[in-house]
Amino acid sequence: MKSDVSADVGRLEDIHEIRTLKHVYMTYCDLGYPPQKLGPLFTDDAVWTSDVFGHHEGRAAIEAFFAGVSSRIVFAAHLALNGIIEVDGDTATGTWRMLMPCTMEEDGRKVGRWILGDYDETYARRNGVWKFSRIDFFINFNITAEESWVGAEAIRA
């Protein structure tokens, strides 16, 4: 069975653009969560939700969320792993694993932490540009650097 080379190349270009979107997002998060940089990566009606960090609906609410994150997470190194992206026209879905060593402000002191989480994402192409339309972030474990994650895992099926 022959494939449509033009369609295959278009799909690969879409996947590359979505991967780049994800990597830009993670880089901005590592640079202190600047809402003015992160906001334009989302559609106006986007949703960002997490079992720990709450539910934020609409680009303005997402920007407000990120504006406050840097006071709690003072250092972060987001590592996006195992990205799987499926494209369907002008929409796409993606799943990612994230490992993040970070420094969190807790009760007036800085605490080193390891966070392992999973992202389920939906993307939309708007005016030729891929953006996040939904991010669901689930934490598998969030432990101090001194702890072991044994027994702290919350693995999703």
N, C-alpha and C. Protein backbone atom coordinates (compact mmCIF):
# COMPACT_ATOMS: atom_id res chain seq x y z
N MET A 1 0.84 -1.18 0.00
CA MET A 1 0.00 0.00 0.00
C MET A 1 0.89 1.24 0.00
N LYS A 2 0.66 2.10 -0.96
CA LYS A 2 1.43 3.34 -1.06
C LYS A 2 0.84 4.39 -0.15
N SER A 3 1.72 5.17 0.43
CA SER A 3 1.24 6.28 1.26
C SER A 3 1.31 7.56 0.46
N ASP A 4 0.56 8.52 0.90
CA ASP A 4 0.58 9.85 0.30
C ASP A 4 1.75 10.60 0.94
N VAL A 5 2.84 10.72 0.20
CA VAL A 5 4.06 11.31 0.74
C VAL A 5 3.81 12.73 1.24
N SER A 6 3.05 13.49 0.52
CA SER A 6 2.77 14.87 0.93
C SER A 6 2.03 14.90 2.27
N ALA A 7 1.05 14.01 2.43
CA ALA A 7 0.30 13.95 3.70
C ALA A 7 1.21 13.49 4.84
N ASP A 8 2.08 12.51 4.55
CA ASP A 8 3.01 12.02 5.57
C ASP A 8 3.96 13.12 6.03
N VAL A 9 4.49 13.87 5.08
CA VAL A 9 5.39 14.97 5.41
C VAL A 9 4.65 16.03 6.22
N GLY A 10 3.42 16.35 5.83
CA GLY A 10 2.62 17.32 6.58
C GLY A 10 2.39 16.88 8.02
N ARG A 11 2.09 15.59 8.20
CA ARG A 11 1.87 15.06 9.55
C ARG A 11 3.15 15.14 10.37
N LEU A 12 4.28 14.80 9.77
CA LEU A 12 5.56 14.89 10.47
C LEU A 12 5.91 16.34 10.83
N GLU A 13 5.59 17.27 9.93
CA GLU A 13 5.81 18.69 10.24
C GLU A 13 4.94 19.13 11.42
N ASP A 14 3.68 18.66 11.44
CA ASP A 14 2.78 18.99 12.56
C ASP A 14 3.34 18.45 13.87
N ILE A 15 3.79 17.20 13.86
CA ILE A 15 4.35 16.59 15.07
C ILE A 15 5.58 17.38 15.53
N HIS A 16 6.43 17.76 14.59
CA HIS A 16 7.61 18.56 14.94
C HIS A 16 7.21 19.90 15.57
N GLU A 17 6.21 20.57 15.00
CA GLU A 17 5.77 21.85 15.55
C GLU A 17 5.18 21.69 16.95
N ILE A 18 4.45 20.60 17.18
CA ILE A 18 3.86 20.36 18.51
C ILE A 18 4.97 20.03 19.52
N ARG A 19 5.94 19.23 19.12
CA ARG A 19 7.09 18.95 20.01
C ARG A 19 7.81 20.25 20.37
N THR A 20 8.00 21.10 19.39
CA THR A 20 8.65 22.39 19.64
C THR A 20 7.82 23.22 20.60
N LEU A 21 6.49 23.24 20.42
CA LEU A 21 5.59 23.94 21.35
C LEU A 21 5.81 23.43 22.77
N LYS A 22 5.85 22.12 22.94
CA LYS A 22 6.05 21.53 24.27
C LYS A 22 7.40 21.93 24.85
N HIS A 23 8.44 21.88 24.04
CA HIS A 23 9.77 22.22 24.54
C HIS A 23 9.88 23.70 24.88
N VAL A 24 9.25 24.55 24.11
CA VAL A 24 9.23 25.98 24.43
C VAL A 24 8.50 26.20 25.76
N TYR A 25 7.36 25.53 25.94
CA TYR A 25 6.59 25.60 27.19
C TYR A 25 7.48 25.21 28.38
N MET A 26 8.16 24.07 28.27
CA MET A 26 9.00 23.60 29.37
C MET A 26 10.16 24.57 29.63
N THR A 27 10.73 25.13 28.58
CA THR A 27 11.82 26.09 28.74
C THR A 27 11.34 27.34 29.47
N TYR A 28 10.17 27.86 29.09
CA TYR A 28 9.64 29.03 29.79
C TYR A 28 9.34 28.70 31.26
N CYS A 29 8.84 27.51 31.52
CA CYS A 29 8.61 27.12 32.92
C CYS A 29 9.93 27.14 33.69
N ASP A 30 11.01 26.69 33.07
CA ASP A 30 12.32 26.70 33.72
C ASP A 30 12.86 28.11 33.92
N LEU A 31 12.35 29.07 33.16
CA LEU A 31 12.81 30.46 33.26
C LEU A 31 11.95 31.29 34.20
N GLY A 32 11.22 30.63 35.10
CA GLY A 32 10.46 31.35 36.12
C GLY A 32 8.98 31.52 35.81
N TYR A 33 8.45 30.76 34.86
CA TYR A 33 7.02 30.76 34.54
C TYR A 33 6.51 32.14 34.11
N PRO A 34 7.18 32.83 33.18
CA PRO A 34 6.71 34.17 32.79
C PRO A 34 5.36 34.09 32.07
N PRO A 35 4.31 34.64 32.67
CA PRO A 35 2.98 34.52 32.07
C PRO A 35 2.88 35.18 30.71
N GLN A 36 3.63 36.25 30.48
CA GLN A 36 3.57 36.95 29.20
C GLN A 36 4.19 36.13 28.07
N LYS A 37 5.02 35.15 28.41
CA LYS A 37 5.60 34.24 27.41
C LYS A 37 4.76 32.96 27.29
N LEU A 38 4.28 32.45 28.43
CA LEU A 38 3.50 31.21 28.42
C LEU A 38 2.10 31.42 27.85
N GLY A 39 1.47 32.53 28.17
CA GLY A 39 0.09 32.78 27.73
C GLY A 39 -0.14 32.60 26.25
N PRO A 40 0.69 33.16 25.38
CA PRO A 40 0.47 33.03 23.94
C PRO A 40 0.59 31.60 23.41
N LEU A 41 1.09 30.68 24.22
CA LEU A 41 1.17 29.28 23.79
C LEU A 41 -0.18 28.57 23.89
N PHE A 42 -1.18 29.23 24.49
CA PHE A 42 -2.49 28.65 24.74
C PHE A 42 -3.57 29.31 23.89
N THR A 43 -4.61 28.54 23.56
CA THR A 43 -5.79 29.12 22.93
C THR A 43 -6.52 29.96 23.97
N ASP A 44 -7.36 30.88 23.53
CA ASP A 44 -8.08 31.75 24.46
C ASP A 44 -8.97 30.97 25.42
N ASP A 45 -9.51 29.82 24.96
CA ASP A 45 -10.43 29.03 25.78
C ASP A 45 -9.75 27.79 26.38
N ALA A 46 -8.44 27.81 26.48
CA ALA A 46 -7.69 26.65 26.96
C ALA A 46 -7.99 26.35 28.43
N VAL A 47 -7.67 25.12 28.82
CA VAL A 47 -7.80 24.66 30.20
C VAL A 47 -6.45 24.08 30.62
N TRP A 48 -5.99 24.45 31.82
CA TRP A 48 -4.81 23.85 32.45
C TRP A 48 -5.28 23.34 33.80
N THR A 49 -5.15 22.03 34.01
CA THR A 49 -5.66 21.46 35.25
C THR A 49 -4.68 20.43 35.82
N SER A 50 -4.70 20.31 37.14
CA SER A 50 -3.80 19.39 37.82
C SER A 50 -4.46 18.90 39.10
N ASP A 51 -4.13 17.68 39.47
CA ASP A 51 -4.64 17.13 40.72
C ASP A 51 -4.07 17.86 41.92
N VAL A 52 -2.98 18.58 41.76
CA VAL A 52 -2.34 19.30 42.86
C VAL A 52 -2.40 20.82 42.68
N PHE A 53 -2.22 21.29 41.45
CA PHE A 53 -2.11 22.73 41.21
C PHE A 53 -3.41 23.39 40.77
N GLY A 54 -4.51 22.65 40.74
CA GLY A 54 -5.81 23.25 40.51
C GLY A 54 -6.26 23.30 39.06
N HIS A 55 -7.43 23.90 38.86
CA HIS A 55 -8.11 23.99 37.56
C HIS A 55 -8.13 25.46 37.13
N HIS A 56 -7.62 25.71 35.92
CA HIS A 56 -7.53 27.08 35.42
C HIS A 56 -8.10 27.10 34.00
N GLU A 57 -9.19 27.83 33.83
CA GLU A 57 -9.92 27.83 32.57
C GLU A 57 -9.85 29.19 31.91
N GLY A 58 -9.39 29.20 30.65
CA GLY A 58 -9.22 30.43 29.90
C GLY A 58 -7.79 30.92 29.99
N ARG A 59 -7.34 31.52 28.91
CA ARG A 59 -5.94 31.98 28.85
C ARG A 59 -5.61 32.95 29.97
N ALA A 60 -6.50 33.86 30.30
CA ALA A 60 -6.23 34.84 31.37
C ALA A 60 -6.04 34.13 32.71
N ALA A 61 -6.85 33.13 33.00
CA ALA A 61 -6.72 32.38 34.26
C ALA A 61 -5.42 31.58 34.29
N ILE A 62 -5.04 31.04 33.15
CA ILE A 62 -3.79 30.29 33.06
C ILE A 62 -2.60 31.23 33.29
N GLU A 63 -2.65 32.41 32.70
CA GLU A 63 -1.58 33.39 32.91
C GLU A 63 -1.50 33.80 34.38
N ALA A 64 -2.65 34.00 35.01
CA ALA A 64 -2.67 34.36 36.44
C ALA A 64 -2.07 33.25 37.29
N PHE A 65 -2.38 32.00 36.95
CA PHE A 65 -1.81 30.86 37.66
C PHE A 65 -0.28 30.88 37.56
N PHE A 66 0.23 31.03 36.34
CA PHE A 66 1.68 31.04 36.17
C PHE A 66 2.34 32.22 36.86
N ALA A 67 1.65 33.35 36.94
CA ALA A 67 2.21 34.52 37.62
C ALA A 67 2.50 34.23 39.08
N GLY A 68 1.75 33.32 39.69
CA GLY A 68 1.95 32.99 41.10
C GLY A 68 2.84 31.81 41.36
N VAL A 69 3.09 30.99 40.34
CA VAL A 69 3.85 29.76 40.54
C VAL A 69 5.29 30.03 40.96
N SER A 70 5.91 31.06 40.39
CA SER A 70 7.34 31.28 40.66
C SER A 70 7.61 31.66 42.11
N SER A 71 6.60 32.08 42.85
CA SER A 71 6.82 32.35 44.27
C SER A 71 6.88 31.05 45.08
N ARG A 72 6.33 29.96 44.52
CA ARG A 72 6.37 28.66 45.20
C ARG A 72 7.46 27.76 44.65
N ILE A 73 7.64 27.78 43.33
CA ILE A 73 8.69 26.96 42.70
C ILE A 73 9.77 27.93 42.24
N VAL A 74 10.84 28.03 43.03
CA VAL A 74 11.86 29.06 42.77
C VAL A 74 12.96 28.59 41.82
N PHE A 75 13.04 27.29 41.60
CA PHE A 75 13.94 26.72 40.59
C PHE A 75 13.27 25.48 40.05
N ALA A 76 13.36 25.28 38.74
CA ALA A 76 12.80 24.07 38.15
C ALA A 76 13.58 23.70 36.90
N ALA A 77 13.74 22.40 36.69
CA ALA A 77 14.32 21.87 35.46
C ALA A 77 13.34 20.83 34.93
N HIS A 78 12.43 21.26 34.05
CA HIS A 78 11.41 20.38 33.48
C HIS A 78 12.03 19.52 32.38
N LEU A 79 11.95 18.23 32.53
CA LEU A 79 12.45 17.30 31.52
C LEU A 79 11.26 16.57 30.91
N ALA A 80 10.97 16.87 29.65
CA ALA A 80 9.84 16.25 28.95
C ALA A 80 10.33 14.97 28.27
N LEU A 81 9.68 13.86 28.59
CA LEU A 81 10.12 12.55 28.11
C LEU A 81 8.96 11.79 27.47
N ASN A 82 9.29 10.83 26.63
CA ASN A 82 8.34 9.86 26.09
C ASN A 82 7.14 10.51 25.40
N GLY A 83 7.35 11.56 24.65
CA GLY A 83 6.25 12.23 23.97
C GLY A 83 5.63 11.37 22.88
N ILE A 84 4.32 11.22 22.94
CA ILE A 84 3.55 10.52 21.91
C ILE A 84 2.49 11.49 21.41
N ILE A 85 2.52 11.80 20.12
CA ILE A 85 1.63 12.80 19.54
C ILE A 85 0.83 12.17 18.41
N GLU A 86 -0.48 12.38 18.43
CA GLU A 86 -1.38 11.91 17.36
C GLU A 86 -2.07 13.13 16.77
N VAL A 87 -1.94 13.31 15.46
CA VAL A 87 -2.52 14.46 14.76
C VAL A 87 -3.75 14.03 13.99
N ASP A 88 -4.79 14.86 14.06
CA ASP A 88 -6.02 14.64 13.30
C ASP A 88 -6.49 15.99 12.75
N GLY A 89 -5.98 16.34 11.58
CA GLY A 89 -6.34 17.62 10.98
C GLY A 89 -5.77 18.79 11.77
N ASP A 90 -6.67 19.66 12.25
CA ASP A 90 -6.25 20.84 13.00
C ASP A 90 -6.30 20.64 14.51
N THR A 91 -6.43 19.39 14.95
CA THR A 91 -6.36 19.07 16.37
C THR A 91 -5.38 17.92 16.55
N ALA A 92 -4.89 17.78 17.76
CA ALA A 92 -3.95 16.71 18.07
C ALA A 92 -4.00 16.42 19.56
N THR A 93 -3.52 15.25 19.92
CA THR A 93 -3.39 14.88 21.33
C THR A 93 -1.95 14.46 21.58
N GLY A 94 -1.54 14.60 22.83
CA GLY A 94 -0.19 14.19 23.19
C GLY A 94 -0.13 13.74 24.63
N THR A 95 0.77 12.81 24.89
CA THR A 95 1.07 12.41 26.26
C THR A 95 2.57 12.53 26.47
N TRP A 96 2.94 12.95 27.66
CA TRP A 96 4.34 13.15 28.01
C TRP A 96 4.56 12.72 29.45
N ARG A 97 5.76 12.25 29.73
CA ARG A 97 6.21 12.02 31.10
C ARG A 97 7.13 13.19 31.44
N MET A 98 7.05 13.68 32.66
CA MET A 98 7.89 14.80 33.08
C MET A 98 8.61 14.45 34.38
N LEU A 99 9.91 14.67 34.38
CA LEU A 99 10.71 14.54 35.59
C LEU A 99 11.27 15.92 35.88
N MET A 100 11.09 16.38 37.12
CA MET A 100 11.50 17.74 37.45
C MET A 100 12.20 17.80 38.80
N PRO A 101 13.53 18.00 38.79
CA PRO A 101 14.16 18.42 40.03
C PRO A 101 13.82 19.90 40.21
N CYS A 102 13.49 20.29 41.43
CA CYS A 102 13.10 21.69 41.65
C CYS A 102 13.40 22.10 43.09
N THR A 103 13.33 23.41 43.30
CA THR A 103 13.42 23.99 44.64
C THR A 103 12.11 24.69 44.91
N MET A 104 11.46 24.31 46.01
CA MET A 104 10.17 24.89 46.36
C MET A 104 10.29 25.68 47.66
N GLU A 105 9.55 26.77 47.71
CA GLU A 105 9.47 27.59 48.92
C GLU A 105 8.37 26.98 49.79
N GLU A 106 8.75 26.50 50.98
CA GLU A 106 7.79 25.85 51.88
C GLU A 106 8.01 26.38 53.29
N ASP A 107 7.02 27.06 53.82
CA ASP A 107 7.07 27.59 55.18
C ASP A 107 8.34 28.41 55.43
N GLY A 108 8.68 29.26 54.46
CA GLY A 108 9.81 30.16 54.62
C GLY A 108 11.17 29.54 54.39
N ARG A 109 11.22 28.30 53.94
CA ARG A 109 12.51 27.68 53.66
C ARG A 109 12.48 27.02 52.28
N LYS A 110 13.65 26.86 51.71
CA LYS A 110 13.76 26.24 50.39
C LYS A 110 13.96 24.73 50.56
N VAL A 111 13.18 23.97 49.80
CA VAL A 111 13.22 22.51 49.88
C VAL A 111 13.46 21.94 48.48
N GLY A 112 14.48 21.10 48.36
CA GLY A 112 14.73 20.40 47.10
C GLY A 112 13.72 19.27 46.93
N ARG A 113 13.15 19.16 45.73
CA ARG A 113 12.14 18.14 45.47
C ARG A 113 12.36 17.48 44.11
N TRP A 114 11.85 16.28 44.00
CA TRP A 114 11.72 15.56 42.74
C TRP A 114 10.24 15.37 42.48
N ILE A 115 9.80 15.77 41.30
CA ILE A 115 8.41 15.56 40.90
C ILE A 115 8.41 14.74 39.62
N LEU A 116 7.62 13.67 39.62
CA LEU A 116 7.39 12.86 38.43
C LEU A 116 5.93 13.00 38.08
N GLY A 117 5.65 13.38 36.86
CA GLY A 117 4.26 13.58 36.47
C GLY A 117 4.00 13.18 35.03
N ASP A 118 2.72 13.12 34.70
CA ASP A 118 2.27 12.80 33.35
C ASP A 118 1.40 13.93 32.83
N TYR A 119 1.61 14.28 31.59
CA TYR A 119 0.79 15.28 30.90
C TYR A 119 -0.08 14.58 29.86
N ASP A 120 -1.37 14.86 29.88
CA ASP A 120 -2.28 14.53 28.79
C ASP A 120 -2.66 15.86 28.18
N GLU A 121 -2.41 16.02 26.88
CA GLU A 121 -2.59 17.33 26.26
C GLU A 121 -3.43 17.25 25.00
N THR A 122 -4.10 18.35 24.71
CA THR A 122 -4.83 18.53 23.46
C THR A 122 -4.33 19.82 22.84
N TYR A 123 -4.15 19.78 21.54
CA TYR A 123 -3.61 20.93 20.81
C TYR A 123 -4.60 21.33 19.71
N ALA A 124 -4.57 22.58 19.35
CA ALA A 124 -5.40 23.09 18.26
C ALA A 124 -4.55 24.01 17.39
N ARG A 125 -4.72 23.86 16.08
CA ARG A 125 -4.03 24.77 15.17
C ARG A 125 -4.94 25.96 14.93
N ARG A 126 -4.46 27.14 15.30
CA ARG A 126 -5.21 28.38 15.12
C ARG A 126 -4.40 29.31 14.24
N ASN A 127 -4.99 29.72 13.13
CA ASN A 127 -4.30 30.60 12.17
C ASN A 127 -2.93 30.05 11.79
N GLY A 128 -2.87 28.73 11.60
CA GLY A 128 -1.64 28.09 11.16
C GLY A 128 -0.62 27.82 12.24
N VAL A 129 -0.96 28.10 13.50
CA VAL A 129 -0.01 27.93 14.62
C VAL A 129 -0.60 26.95 15.63
N TRP A 130 0.20 25.95 16.03
CA TRP A 130 -0.25 25.00 17.05
C TRP A 130 -0.17 25.64 18.43
N LYS A 131 -1.24 25.43 19.21
CA LYS A 131 -1.31 25.95 20.58
C LYS A 131 -1.89 24.85 21.48
N PHE A 132 -1.66 25.01 22.78
CA PHE A 132 -2.30 24.12 23.75
C PHE A 132 -3.77 24.52 23.88
N SER A 133 -4.66 23.55 23.79
CA SER A 133 -6.06 23.82 24.11
C SER A 133 -6.44 23.20 25.46
N ARG A 134 -5.66 22.21 25.89
CA ARG A 134 -5.90 21.63 27.21
C ARG A 134 -4.64 20.93 27.68
N ILE A 135 -4.30 21.15 28.95
CA ILE A 135 -3.23 20.40 29.61
C ILE A 135 -3.81 19.84 30.90
N ASP A 136 -3.71 18.52 31.04
CA ASP A 136 -4.05 17.82 32.29
C ASP A 136 -2.74 17.26 32.83
N PHE A 137 -2.36 17.70 34.03
CA PHE A 137 -1.09 17.29 34.63
C PHE A 137 -1.38 16.47 35.88
N PHE A 138 -0.85 15.26 35.91
CA PHE A 138 -1.05 14.33 37.03
C PHE A 138 0.30 14.05 37.69
N ILE A 139 0.36 14.18 38.99
CA ILE A 139 1.62 13.92 39.71
C ILE A 139 1.65 12.48 40.18
N ASN A 140 2.72 11.77 39.82
CA ASN A 140 2.93 10.40 40.27
C ASN A 140 3.64 10.37 41.61
N PHE A 141 4.63 11.24 41.79
CA PHE A 141 5.19 11.47 43.12
C PHE A 141 5.81 12.85 43.19
N ASN A 142 5.85 13.36 44.42
CA ASN A 142 6.42 14.67 44.74
C ASN A 142 7.11 14.49 46.08
N ILE A 143 8.42 14.28 46.03
CA ILE A 143 9.17 13.93 47.25
C ILE A 143 10.32 14.91 47.44
N THR A 144 10.77 15.03 48.68
CA THR A 144 11.96 15.84 48.92
C THR A 144 13.18 15.11 48.37
N ALA A 145 14.23 15.86 48.11
CA ALA A 145 15.44 15.27 47.54
C ALA A 145 16.07 14.26 48.49
N GLU A 146 15.77 14.37 49.78
CA GLU A 146 16.34 13.45 50.75
C GLU A 146 15.56 12.14 50.85
N GLU A 147 14.33 12.12 50.35
CA GLU A 147 13.47 10.95 50.47
C GLU A 147 13.67 9.99 49.30
N SER A 148 13.17 8.78 49.48
CA SER A 148 13.05 7.83 48.39
C SER A 148 11.61 7.90 47.89
N TRP A 149 11.42 7.62 46.63
CA TRP A 149 10.06 7.60 46.09
C TRP A 149 9.36 6.27 46.34
N VAL A 150 10.07 5.31 46.91
CA VAL A 150 9.46 4.01 47.19
C VAL A 150 8.29 4.20 48.15
N GLY A 151 7.14 3.79 47.72
CA GLY A 151 5.92 3.93 48.52
C GLY A 151 5.17 5.22 48.25
N ALA A 152 5.79 6.15 47.53
CA ALA A 152 5.13 7.43 47.23
C ALA A 152 4.51 7.45 45.84
N GLU A 153 4.72 6.37 45.07
CA GLU A 153 4.26 6.35 43.69
C GLU A 153 2.74 6.34 43.61
N ALA A 154 2.24 7.02 42.61
CA ALA A 154 0.81 6.98 42.26
C ALA A 154 0.76 6.75 40.76
N ILE A 155 0.86 5.52 40.36
CA ILE A 155 0.93 5.17 38.95
C ILE A 155 -0.47 5.09 38.37
N ARG A 156 -0.66 5.78 37.24
CA ARG A 156 -1.95 5.75 36.55
C ARG A 156 -1.99 4.59 35.58
N ALA A 157 -3.11 3.96 35.49
CA ALA A 157 -3.27 2.85 34.54
C ALA A 157 -3.62 3.37 33.17
